[in-house]
Amino acid sequence: MKLVSASDARPRTRRLSLWTLHRADSPIIGTAIHDGHLVDGDIASLL
């Protein structure tokens, strides 16, 4: 995963999916449930 600048890249991020799930053959899984910055357009106008 490429590391980018939060101030440069995050406000313009466009992801249609709500989350990304990658699965492998291990009992260990990490979550980052507050990583997101995206706000959908109809919500953005209210914030």
All heavy atoms as atom14 arrays in JSON, in Angstrom:
{
  "sequence": "MKLVSASDARPRTRRLSLWTLHRADSPIIGTAIHDGHLVDGDIASLL",
  "atom14_mask": [
    [1, 1, 1, 1, 1, 1, 1, 1, 0, 0, 0, 0, 0, 0],
    [1, 1, 1, 1, 1, 1, 1, 1, 1, 0, 0, 0, 0, 0],
    [1, 1, 1, 1, 1, 1, 1, 1, 0, 0, 0, 0, 0, 0],
    [1, 1, 1, 1, 1, 1, 1, 0, 0, 0, 0, 0, 0, 0],
    [1, 1, 1, 1, 1, 1, 0, 0, 0, 0, 0, 0, 0, 0],
    [1, 1, 1, 1, 1, 0, 0, 0, 0, 0, 0, 0, 0, 0],
    [1, 1, 1, 1, 1, 1, 0, 0, 0, 0, 0, 0, 0, 0],
    [1, 1, 1, 1, 1, 1, 1, 1, 0, 0, 0, 0, 0, 0],
    [1, 1, 1, 1, 1, 0, 0, 0, 0, 0, 0, 0, 0, 0],
    [1, 1, 1, 1, 1, 1, 1, 1, 1, 1, 1, 0, 0, 0],
    [1, 1, 1, 1, 1, 1, 1, 0, 0, 0, 0, 0, 0, 0],
    [1, 1, 1, 1, 1, 1, 1, 1, 1, 1, 1, 0, 0, 0],
    [1, 1, 1, 1, 1, 1, 1, 0, 0, 0, 0, 0, 0, 0],
    [1, 1, 1, 1, 1, 1, 1, 1, 1, 1, 1, 0, 0, 0],
    [1, 1, 1, 1, 1, 1, 1, 1, 1, 1, 1, 0, 0, 0],
    [1, 1, 1, 1, 1, 1, 1, 1, 0, 0, 0, 0, 0, 0],
    [1, 1, 1, 1, 1, 1, 0, 0, 0, 0, 0, 0, 0, 0],
    [1, 1, 1, 1, 1, 1, 1, 1, 0, 0, 0, 0, 0, 0],
    [1, 1, 1, 1, 1, 1, 1, 1, 1, 1, 1, 1, 1, 1],
    [1, 1, 1, 1, 1, 1, 1, 0, 0, 0, 0, 0, 0, 0],
    [1, 1, 1, 1, 1, 1, 1, 1, 0, 0, 0, 0, 0, 0],
    [1, 1, 1, 1, 1, 1, 1, 1, 1, 1, 0, 0, 0, 0],
    [1, 1, 1, 1, 1, 1, 1, 1, 1, 1, 1, 0, 0, 0],
    [1, 1, 1, 1, 1, 0, 0, 0, 0, 0, 0, 0, 0, 0],
    [1, 1, 1, 1, 1, 1, 1, 1, 0, 0, 0, 0, 0, 0],
    [1, 1, 1, 1, 1, 1, 0, 0, 0, 0, 0, 0, 0, 0],
    [1, 1, 1, 1, 1, 1, 1, 0, 0, 0, 0, 0, 0, 0],
    [1, 1, 1, 1, 1, 1, 1, 1, 0, 0, 0, 0, 0, 0],
    [1, 1, 1, 1, 1, 1, 1, 1, 0, 0, 0, 0, 0, 0],
    [1, 1, 1, 1, 0, 0, 0, 0, 0, 0, 0, 0, 0, 0],
    [1, 1, 1, 1, 1, 1, 1, 0, 0, 0, 0, 0, 0, 0],
    [1, 1, 1, 1, 1, 0, 0, 0, 0, 0, 0, 0, 0, 0],
    [1, 1, 1, 1, 1, 1, 1, 1, 0, 0, 0, 0, 0, 0],
    [1, 1, 1, 1, 1, 1, 1, 1, 1, 1, 0, 0, 0, 0],
    [1, 1, 1, 1, 1, 1, 1, 1, 0, 0, 0, 0, 0, 0],
    [1, 1, 1, 1, 0, 0, 0, 0, 0, 0, 0, 0, 0, 0],
    [1, 1, 1, 1, 1, 1, 1, 1, 1, 1, 0, 0, 0, 0],
    [1, 1, 1, 1, 1, 1, 1, 1, 0, 0, 0, 0, 0, 0],
    [1, 1, 1, 1, 1, 1, 1, 0, 0, 0, 0, 0, 0, 0],
    [1, 1, 1, 1, 1, 1, 1, 1, 0, 0, 0, 0, 0, 0],
    [1, 1, 1, 1, 0, 0, 0, 0, 0, 0, 0, 0, 0, 0],
    [1, 1, 1, 1, 1, 1, 1, 1, 0, 0, 0, 0, 0, 0],
    [1, 1, 1, 1, 1, 1, 1, 1, 0, 0, 0, 0, 0, 0],
    [1, 1, 1, 1, 1, 0, 0, 0, 0, 0, 0, 0, 0, 0],
    [1, 1, 1, 1, 1, 1, 0, 0, 0, 0, 0, 0, 0, 0],
    [1, 1, 1, 1, 1, 1, 1, 1, 0, 0, 0, 0, 0, 0],
    [1, 1, 1, 1, 1, 1, 1, 1, 0, 0, 0, 0, 0, 0]
  ],
  "atom14_positions": [
    [[0.85, -1.19, 0.0], [0.0, 0.0, 0.0], [0.88, 1.23, 0.0], [1.75, 1.38, 0.86], [-0.9, 0.01, 1.24], [-1.89, 1.18, 1.27], [-2.97, 1.13, 2.73], [-3.97, -0.29, 2.35], [0.0, 0.0, 0.0], [0.0, 0.0, 0.0], [0.0, 0.0, 0.0], [0.0, 0.0, 0.0], [0.0, 0.0, 0.0], [0.0, 0.0, 0.0]],
    [[0.71, 2.13, -0.92], [1.53, 3.33, -1.04], [1.15, 4.34, 0.02], [0.0, 4.62, 0.27], [1.35, 3.95, -2.43], [2.22, 5.16, -2.67], [1.98, 5.71, -4.06], [2.83, 6.95, -4.3], [2.59, 7.51, -5.64], [0.0, 0.0, 0.0], [0.0, 0.0, 0.0], [0.0, 0.0, 0.0], [0.0, 0.0, 0.0], [0.0, 0.0, 0.0]],
    [[2.17, 4.91, 0.68], [1.94, 5.94, 1.67], [1.85, 7.29, 0.99], [2.7, 7.65, 0.19], [3.08, 5.94, 2.7], [3.29, 4.63, 3.46], [4.41, 4.79, 4.45], [2.02, 4.2, 4.15], [0.0, 0.0, 0.0], [0.0, 0.0, 0.0], [0.0, 0.0, 0.0], [0.0, 0.0, 0.0], [0.0, 0.0, 0.0], [0.0, 0.0, 0.0]],
    [[0.83, 8.05, 1.32], [0.63, 9.35, 0.71], [0.41, 10.38, 1.79], [0.27, 10.07, 2.96], [-0.57, 9.34, -0.25], [-0.31, 8.41, -1.42], [-1.85, 8.92, 0.47], [0.0, 0.0, 0.0], [0.0, 0.0, 0.0], [0.0, 0.0, 0.0], [0.0, 0.0, 0.0], [0.0, 0.0, 0.0], [0.0, 0.0, 0.0], [0.0, 0.0, 0.0]],
    [[0.39, 11.63, 1.41], [0.13, 12.72, 2.33], [-1.35, 12.82, 2.61], [-2.17, 12.87, 1.71], [0.64, 14.03, 1.73], [0.05, 15.13, 2.4], [0.0, 0.0, 0.0], [0.0, 0.0, 0.0], [0.0, 0.0, 0.0], [0.0, 0.0, 0.0], [0.0, 0.0, 0.0], [0.0, 0.0, 0.0], [0.0, 0.0, 0.0], [0.0, 0.0, 0.0]],
    [[-1.69, 12.88, 3.89], [-3.11, 12.99, 4.24], [-3.7, 14.28, 3.69], [-4.8, 14.29, 3.14], [-3.28, 12.94, 5.76], [0.0, 0.0, 0.0], [0.0, 0.0, 0.0], [0.0, 0.0, 0.0], [0.0, 0.0, 0.0], [0.0, 0.0, 0.0], [0.0, 0.0, 0.0], [0.0, 0.0, 0.0], [0.0, 0.0, 0.0], [0.0, 0.0, 0.0]],
    [[-2.99, 15.36, 3.84], [-3.56, 16.64, 3.41], [-3.65, 16.73, 1.89], [-4.53, 17.39, 1.35], [-2.7, 17.8, 3.94], [-1.39, 17.72, 3.44], [0.0, 0.0, 0.0], [0.0, 0.0, 0.0], [0.0, 0.0, 0.0], [0.0, 0.0, 0.0], [0.0, 0.0, 0.0], [0.0, 0.0, 0.0], [0.0, 0.0, 0.0], [0.0, 0.0, 0.0]],
    [[-2.76, 16.05, 1.18], [-2.8, 16.1, -0.27], [-3.84, 15.16, -0.87], [-4.51, 15.49, -1.83], [-1.43, 15.72, -0.85], [-0.41, 16.83, -0.64], [-0.83, 17.95, -0.32], [0.78, 16.55, -0.79], [0.0, 0.0, 0.0], [0.0, 0.0, 0.0], [0.0, 0.0, 0.0], [0.0, 0.0, 0.0], [0.0, 0.0, 0.0], [0.0, 0.0, 0.0]],
    [[-3.95, 13.96, -0.31], [-4.7, 12.92, -1.0], [-6.06, 12.61, -0.38], [-7.01, 12.34, -1.09], [-3.87, 11.64, -1.06], [0.0, 0.0, 0.0], [0.0, 0.0, 0.0], [0.0, 0.0, 0.0], [0.0, 0.0, 0.0], [0.0, 0.0, 0.0], [0.0, 0.0, 0.0], [0.0, 0.0, 0.0], [0.0, 0.0, 0.0], [0.0, 0.0, 0.0]],
    [[-6.2, 12.64, 0.92], [-7.4, 12.11, 1.54], [-8.67, 12.88, 1.2], [-9.68, 12.28, 0.91], [-7.21, 12.0, 3.05], [-6.32, 10.83, 3.39], [-6.11, 10.68, 4.86], [-5.34, 9.45, 5.06], [-5.9, 8.28, 5.32], [-7.19, 8.18, 5.42], [-5.16, 7.2, 5.46], [0.0, 0.0, 0.0], [0.0, 0.0, 0.0], [0.0, 0.0, 0.0]],
    [[-8.67, 14.21, 1.23], [-9.93, 14.89, 0.92], [-10.45, 14.63, -0.48], [-11.63, 14.79, -0.73], [-9.57, 16.37, 1.11], [-8.43, 16.35, 2.06], [-7.65, 15.13, 1.69], [0.0, 0.0, 0.0], [0.0, 0.0, 0.0], [0.0, 0.0, 0.0], [0.0, 0.0, 0.0], [0.0, 0.0, 0.0], [0.0, 0.0, 0.0], [0.0, 0.0, 0.0]],
    [[-9.57, 14.2, -1.41], [-10.02, 13.97, -2.78], [-10.22, 12.48, -3.08], [-10.48, 12.11, -4.21], [-9.0, 14.57, -3.75], [-8.96, 16.09, -3.7], [-8.17, 16.63, -4.86], [-6.77, 16.31, -4.77], [-5.88, 17.05, -4.13], [-6.26, 18.15, -3.49], [-4.61, 16.72, -4.11], [0.0, 0.0, 0.0], [0.0, 0.0, 0.0], [0.0, 0.0, 0.0]],
    [[-10.05, 11.64, -2.05], [-10.21, 10.21, -2.27], [-11.61, 9.89, -2.78], [-12.59, 10.43, -2.3], [-9.97, 9.43, -0.96], [-8.63, 9.66, -0.55], [-10.17, 7.94, -1.16], [0.0, 0.0, 0.0], [0.0, 0.0, 0.0], [0.0, 0.0, 0.0], [0.0, 0.0, 0.0], [0.0, 0.0, 0.0], [0.0, 0.0, 0.0], [0.0, 0.0, 0.0]],
    [[-11.69, 9.0, -3.76], [-13.0, 8.58, -4.29], [-13.06, 7.06, -4.28], [-12.41, 6.39, -5.07], [-13.19, 9.11, -5.73], [-13.26, 10.63, -5.81], [-14.55, 11.16, -5.16], [-14.62, 12.6, -5.24], [-14.23, 13.42, -4.28], [-13.7, 12.93, -3.17], [-14.34, 14.73, -4.42], [0.0, 0.0, 0.0], [0.0, 0.0, 0.0], [0.0, 0.0, 0.0]],
    [[-13.8, 6.52, -3.35], [-13.99, 5.08, -3.28], [-15.48, 4.81, -3.25], [-16.2, 5.35, -2.44], [-13.33, 4.51, -2.03], [-11.8, 4.51, -2.04], [-11.31, 3.66, -0.88], [-9.85, 3.56, -0.87], [-9.06, 4.31, -0.12], [-9.58, 5.25, 0.64], [-7.75, 4.15, -0.15], [0.0, 0.0, 0.0], [0.0, 0.0, 0.0], [0.0, 0.0, 0.0]],
    [[-15.94, 3.95, -4.14], [-17.34, 3.6, -4.14], [-17.65, 2.61, -3.03], [-18.74, 2.64, -2.45], [-17.73, 3.02, -5.5], [-17.63, 3.97, -6.69], [-18.01, 3.24, -7.97], [-18.54, 5.18, -6.5], [0.0, 0.0, 0.0], [0.0, 0.0, 0.0], [0.0, 0.0, 0.0], [0.0, 0.0, 0.0], [0.0, 0.0, 0.0], [0.0, 0.0, 0.0]],
    [[-16.71, 1.73, -2.71], [-16.95, 0.73, -1.68], [-16.9, 1.38, -0.3], [-16.17, 2.35, -0.07], [-15.91, -0.38, -1.76], [-14.61, 0.14, -1.61], [0.0, 0.0, 0.0], [0.0, 0.0, 0.0], [0.0, 0.0, 0.0], [0.0, 0.0, 0.0], [0.0, 0.0, 0.0], [0.0, 0.0, 0.0], [0.0, 0.0, 0.0], [0.0, 0.0, 0.0]],
    [[-17.68, 0.82, 0.62], [-17.66, 1.31, 1.99], [-16.4, 0.89, 2.71], [-15.9, 1.61, 3.57], [-18.89, 0.79, 2.74], [-20.24, 1.34, 2.28], [-21.38, 0.56, 2.94], [-20.36, 2.82, 2.59], [0.0, 0.0, 0.0], [0.0, 0.0, 0.0], [0.0, 0.0, 0.0], [0.0, 0.0, 0.0], [0.0, 0.0, 0.0], [0.0, 0.0, 0.0]],
    [[-15.91, -0.3, 2.4], [-14.7, -0.8, 3.06], [-13.95, -1.73, 2.12], [-14.48, -2.19, 1.09], [-15.02, -1.52, 4.36], [-15.99, -2.66, 4.24], [-15.74, -3.93, 3.78], [-17.39, -2.64, 4.57], [-16.88, -4.69, 3.83], [-17.9, -3.93, 4.31], [-18.24, -1.67, 5.09], [-19.23, -4.26, 4.53], [-19.57, -1.99, 5.32], [-20.05, -3.27, 5.04]],
    [[-12.71, -1.99, 2.47], [-11.89, -2.96, 1.76], [-11.58, -4.11, 2.7], [-11.11, -3.89, 3.83], [-10.57, -2.32, 1.29], [-10.85, -1.32, 0.32], [-9.64, -3.37, 0.66], [0.0, 0.0, 0.0], [0.0, 0.0, 0.0], [0.0, 0.0, 0.0], [0.0, 0.0, 0.0], [0.0, 0.0, 0.0], [0.0, 0.0, 0.0], [0.0, 0.0, 0.0]],
    [[-11.85, -5.33, 2.25], [-11.55, -6.53, 3.03], [-10.58, -7.39, 2.24], [-10.86, -7.76, 1.1], [-12.84, -7.31, 3.32], [-12.66, -8.7, 3.96], [-11.97, -8.61, 5.31], [-14.01, -9.4, 4.08], [0.0, 0.0, 0.0], [0.0, 0.0, 0.0], [0.0, 0.0, 0.0], [0.0, 0.0, 0.0], [0.0, 0.0, 0.0], [0.0, 0.0, 0.0]],
    [[-9.46, -7.7, 2.84], [-8.48, -8.61, 2.25], [-8.36, -9.8, 3.19], [-8.12, -9.63, 4.39], [-7.12, -7.93, 2.1], [-6.05, -8.85, 1.63], [-5.89, -9.19, 0.3], [-5.08, -9.53, 2.31], [-4.87, -10.02, 0.18], [-4.36, -10.25, 1.37], [0.0, 0.0, 0.0], [0.0, 0.0, 0.0], [0.0, 0.0, 0.0], [0.0, 0.0, 0.0]],
    [[-8.53, -11.01, 2.65], [-8.5, -12.21, 3.48], [-7.36, -13.13, 3.08], [-7.06, -13.29, 1.9], [-9.83, -12.95, 3.38], [-10.96, -12.25, 4.12], [-12.24, -13.04, 4.13], [-12.97, -12.89, 2.88], [-14.25, -13.16, 2.73], [-14.96, -13.62, 3.75], [-14.85, -12.99, 1.58], [0.0, 0.0, 0.0], [0.0, 0.0, 0.0], [0.0, 0.0, 0.0]],
    [[-6.75, -13.74, 4.08], [-5.67, -14.7, 3.86], [-5.85, -15.85, 4.85], [-6.72, -15.8, 5.74], [-4.31, -14.03, 4.03], [0.0, 0.0, 0.0], [0.0, 0.0, 0.0], [0.0, 0.0, 0.0], [0.0, 0.0, 0.0], [0.0, 0.0, 0.0], [0.0, 0.0, 0.0], [0.0, 0.0, 0.0], [0.0, 0.0, 0.0], [0.0, 0.0, 0.0]],
    [[-5.02, -16.85, 4.71], [-5.16, -18.06, 5.53], [-4.41, -17.9, 6.85], [-3.35, -18.47, 7.07], [-4.64, -19.28, 4.76], [-5.03, -20.59, 5.43], [-6.1, -20.65, 6.05], [-4.24, -21.55, 5.34], [0.0, 0.0, 0.0], [0.0, 0.0, 0.0], [0.0, 0.0, 0.0], [0.0, 0.0, 0.0], [0.0, 0.0, 0.0], [0.0, 0.0, 0.0]],
    [[-4.97, -17.1, 7.73], [-4.38, -16.84, 9.04], [-5.49, -16.48, 10.0], [-6.5, -15.88, 9.6], [-3.37, -15.7, 8.96], [-2.96, -15.3, 10.27], [0.0, 0.0, 0.0], [0.0, 0.0, 0.0], [0.0, 0.0, 0.0], [0.0, 0.0, 0.0], [0.0, 0.0, 0.0], [0.0, 0.0, 0.0], [0.0, 0.0, 0.0], [0.0, 0.0, 0.0]],
    [[-5.33, -16.8, 11.28], [-6.34, -16.41, 12.27], [-6.18, -14.96, 12.73], [-6.93, -14.51, 13.6], [-6.08, -17.38, 13.43], [-4.6, -17.62, 13.35], [-4.28, -17.65, 11.88], [0.0, 0.0, 0.0], [0.0, 0.0, 0.0], [0.0, 0.0, 0.0], [0.0, 0.0, 0.0], [0.0, 0.0, 0.0], [0.0, 0.0, 0.0], [0.0, 0.0, 0.0]],
    [[-5.24, -14.22, 12.15], [-4.97, -12.84, 12.55], [-5.57, -11.89, 11.51], [-5.32, -12.02, 10.32], [-3.46, -12.57, 12.66], [-2.75, -13.66, 13.46], [-3.22, -11.18, 13.25], [-3.22, -13.82, 14.88], [0.0, 0.0, 0.0], [0.0, 0.0, 0.0], [0.0, 0.0, 0.0], [0.0, 0.0, 0.0], [0.0, 0.0, 0.0], [0.0, 0.0, 0.0]],
    [[-6.36, -10.93, 11.99], [-6.91, -9.91, 11.1], [-6.8, -8.55, 11.78], [-7.0, -8.43, 12.99], [-8.38, -10.22, 10.72], [-8.92, -9.18, 9.73], [-9.26, -10.33, 11.95], [-10.28, -9.53, 9.13], [0.0, 0.0, 0.0], [0.0, 0.0, 0.0], [0.0, 0.0, 0.0], [0.0, 0.0, 0.0], [0.0, 0.0, 0.0], [0.0, 0.0, 0.0]],
    [[-6.44, -7.53, 11.0], [-6.4, -6.18, 11.51], [-7.56, -5.37, 10.96], [-8.02, -5.61, 9.84], [0.0, 0.0, 0.0], [0.0, 0.0, 0.0], [0.0, 0.0, 0.0], [0.0, 0.0, 0.0], [0.0, 0.0, 0.0], [0.0, 0.0, 0.0], [0.0, 0.0, 0.0], [0.0, 0.0, 0.0], [0.0, 0.0, 0.0], [0.0, 0.0, 0.0]],
    [[-8.05, -4.42, 11.76], [-9.1, -3.52, 11.29], [-8.66, -2.08, 11.51], [-7.94, -1.77, 12.46], [-10.43, -3.75, 12.02], [-10.3, -3.44, 13.41], [-10.9, -5.19, 11.86], [0.0, 0.0, 0.0], [0.0, 0.0, 0.0], [0.0, 0.0, 0.0], [0.0, 0.0, 0.0], [0.0, 0.0, 0.0], [0.0, 0.0, 0.0], [0.0, 0.0, 0.0]],
    [[-9.11, -1.2, 10.61], [-8.88, 0.24, 10.73], [-10.2, 0.93, 10.44], [-10.44, 1.41, 9.34], [-7.79, 0.69, 9.77], [0.0, 0.0, 0.0], [0.0, 0.0, 0.0], [0.0, 0.0, 0.0], [0.0, 0.0, 0.0], [0.0, 0.0, 0.0], [0.0, 0.0, 0.0], [0.0, 0.0, 0.0], [0.0, 0.0, 0.0], [0.0, 0.0, 0.0]],
    [[-11.07, 0.96, 11.44], [-12.44, 1.42, 11.21], [-12.59, 2.94, 11.3], [-13.66, 3.47, 10.97], [-13.44, 0.73, 12.16], [-13.1, 0.98, 13.63], [-13.5, -0.76, 11.86], [-14.13, 0.4, 14.6], [0.0, 0.0, 0.0], [0.0, 0.0, 0.0], [0.0, 0.0, 0.0], [0.0, 0.0, 0.0], [0.0, 0.0, 0.0], [0.0, 0.0, 0.0]],
    [[-11.54, 3.64, 11.71], [-11.56, 5.11, 11.73], [-10.56, 5.7, 10.74], [-10.28, 6.9, 10.8], [-11.28, 5.64, 13.13], [-12.41, 5.47, 14.09], [-12.25, 5.49, 15.47], [-13.75, 5.28, 13.87], [-13.42, 5.31, 16.04], [-14.35, 5.18, 15.1], [0.0, 0.0, 0.0], [0.0, 0.0, 0.0], [0.0, 0.0, 0.0], [0.0, 0.0, 0.0]],
    [[-10.05, 4.89, 9.83], [-9.1, 5.37, 8.83], [-9.76, 6.31, 7.82], [-9.12, 7.21, 7.29], [-8.49, 4.17, 8.09], [-7.52, 4.59, 6.99], [-6.35, 4.83, 7.3], [-7.95, 4.67, 5.82], [0.0, 0.0, 0.0], [0.0, 0.0, 0.0], [0.0, 0.0, 0.0], [0.0, 0.0, 0.0], [0.0, 0.0, 0.0], [0.0, 0.0, 0.0]],
    [[-11.04, 6.1, 7.55], [-11.7, 6.78, 6.44], [-11.85, 8.28, 6.61], [-12.03, 8.79, 7.72], [0.0, 0.0, 0.0], [0.0, 0.0, 0.0], [0.0, 0.0, 0.0], [0.0, 0.0, 0.0], [0.0, 0.0, 0.0], [0.0, 0.0, 0.0], [0.0, 0.0, 0.0], [0.0, 0.0, 0.0], [0.0, 0.0, 0.0], [0.0, 0.0, 0.0]],
    [[-11.83, 8.97, 5.48], [-12.05, 10.42, 5.44], [-13.17, 10.8, 4.48], [-13.66, 11.93, 4.49], [-10.75, 11.12, 5.01], [-10.8, 12.61, 5.07], [-10.8, 13.31, 6.27], [-10.85, 13.55, 4.1], [-10.85, 14.61, 6.02], [-10.89, 14.79, 4.71], [0.0, 0.0, 0.0], [0.0, 0.0, 0.0], [0.0, 0.0, 0.0], [0.0, 0.0, 0.0]],
    [[-13.61, 9.87, 3.68], [-14.59, 10.16, 2.62], [-15.96, 10.49, 3.21], [-16.44, 9.84, 4.13], [-14.7, 8.95, 1.69], [-15.61, 9.1, 0.47], [-15.09, 10.19, -0.46], [-15.7, 7.77, -0.28], [0.0, 0.0, 0.0], [0.0, 0.0, 0.0], [0.0, 0.0, 0.0], [0.0, 0.0, 0.0], [0.0, 0.0, 0.0], [0.0, 0.0, 0.0]],
    [[-16.58, 11.52, 2.64], [-17.96, 11.89, 2.97], [-18.74, 11.98, 1.67], [-18.34, 12.69, 0.75], [-18.02, 13.25, 3.7], [-19.47, 13.65, 3.96], [-17.24, 13.19, 5.01], [0.0, 0.0, 0.0], [0.0, 0.0, 0.0], [0.0, 0.0, 0.0], [0.0, 0.0, 0.0], [0.0, 0.0, 0.0], [0.0, 0.0, 0.0], [0.0, 0.0, 0.0]],
    [[-19.82, 11.24, 1.57], [-20.63, 11.27, 0.34], [-21.24, 12.66, 0.14], [-21.51, 13.39, 1.09], [-21.72, 10.21, 0.42], [-21.15, 8.8, 0.37], [-20.14, 8.6, -0.32], [-21.7, 7.92, 1.05], [0.0, 0.0, 0.0], [0.0, 0.0, 0.0], [0.0, 0.0, 0.0], [0.0, 0.0, 0.0], [0.0, 0.0, 0.0], [0.0, 0.0, 0.0]],
    [[-21.48, 13.01, -1.13], [-21.85, 14.37, -1.49], [-23.06, 14.93, -0.78], [-23.05, 16.08, -0.32], [0.0, 0.0, 0.0], [0.0, 0.0, 0.0], [0.0, 0.0, 0.0], [0.0, 0.0, 0.0], [0.0, 0.0, 0.0], [0.0, 0.0, 0.0], [0.0, 0.0, 0.0], [0.0, 0.0, 0.0], [0.0, 0.0, 0.0], [0.0, 0.0, 0.0]],
    [[-24.12, 14.13, -0.65], [-25.33, 14.66, -0.02], [-25.13, 14.89, 1.47], [-25.78, 15.74, 2.07], [-26.52, 13.74, -0.28], [-26.3, 12.33, 0.25], [-25.14, 11.89, 0.34], [-27.3, 11.66, 0.57], [0.0, 0.0, 0.0], [0.0, 0.0, 0.0], [0.0, 0.0, 0.0], [0.0, 0.0, 0.0], [0.0, 0.0, 0.0], [0.0, 0.0, 0.0]],
    [[-24.2, 14.14, 2.07], [-23.89, 14.33, 3.49], [-22.95, 15.52, 3.66], [-23.08, 16.31, 4.6], [-23.25, 13.07, 4.09], [-24.17, 11.85, 3.89], [-22.93, 13.27, 5.57], [-25.51, 11.96, 4.56], [0.0, 0.0, 0.0], [0.0, 0.0, 0.0], [0.0, 0.0, 0.0], [0.0, 0.0, 0.0], [0.0, 0.0, 0.0], [0.0, 0.0, 0.0]],
    [[-22.01, 15.66, 2.73], [-21.02, 16.74, 2.82], [-21.68, 18.11, 2.89], [-21.21, 19.0, 3.6], [-20.07, 16.67, 1.63], [0.0, 0.0, 0.0], [0.0, 0.0, 0.0], [0.0, 0.0, 0.0], [0.0, 0.0, 0.0], [0.0, 0.0, 0.0], [0.0, 0.0, 0.0], [0.0, 0.0, 0.0], [0.0, 0.0, 0.0], [0.0, 0.0, 0.0]],
    [[-22.77, 18.29, 2.19], [-23.45, 19.59, 2.18], [-24.08, 19.91, 3.53], [-24.36, 21.08, 3.83], [-24.51, 19.61, 1.09], [-25.53, 18.66, 1.35], [0.0, 0.0, 0.0], [0.0, 0.0, 0.0], [0.0, 0.0, 0.0], [0.0, 0.0, 0.0], [0.0, 0.0, 0.0], [0.0, 0.0, 0.0], [0.0, 0.0, 0.0], [0.0, 0.0, 0.0]],
    [[-24.29, 18.9, 4.36], [-24.89, 19.11, 5.67], [-23.86, 19.33, 6.77], [-24.16, 19.93, 7.8], [-25.76, 17.9, 6.06], [-26.92, 17.54, 5.14], [-27.6, 16.27, 5.63], [-27.92, 18.68, 5.07], [0.0, 0.0, 0.0], [0.0, 0.0, 0.0], [0.0, 0.0, 0.0], [0.0, 0.0, 0.0], [0.0, 0.0, 0.0], [0.0, 0.0, 0.0]],
    [[-22.63, 18.84, 6.54], [-21.61, 18.88, 7.58], [-21.05, 20.28, 7.78], [-20.72, 20.98, 6.82], [-20.46, 17.93, 7.24], [-20.64, 16.45, 7.57], [-19.42, 15.67, 7.13], [-20.91, 16.23, 9.06], [0.0, 0.0, 0.0], [0.0, 0.0, 0.0], [0.0, 0.0, 0.0], [0.0, 0.0, 0.0], [0.0, 0.0, 0.0], [0.0, 0.0, 0.0]]
  ]
}
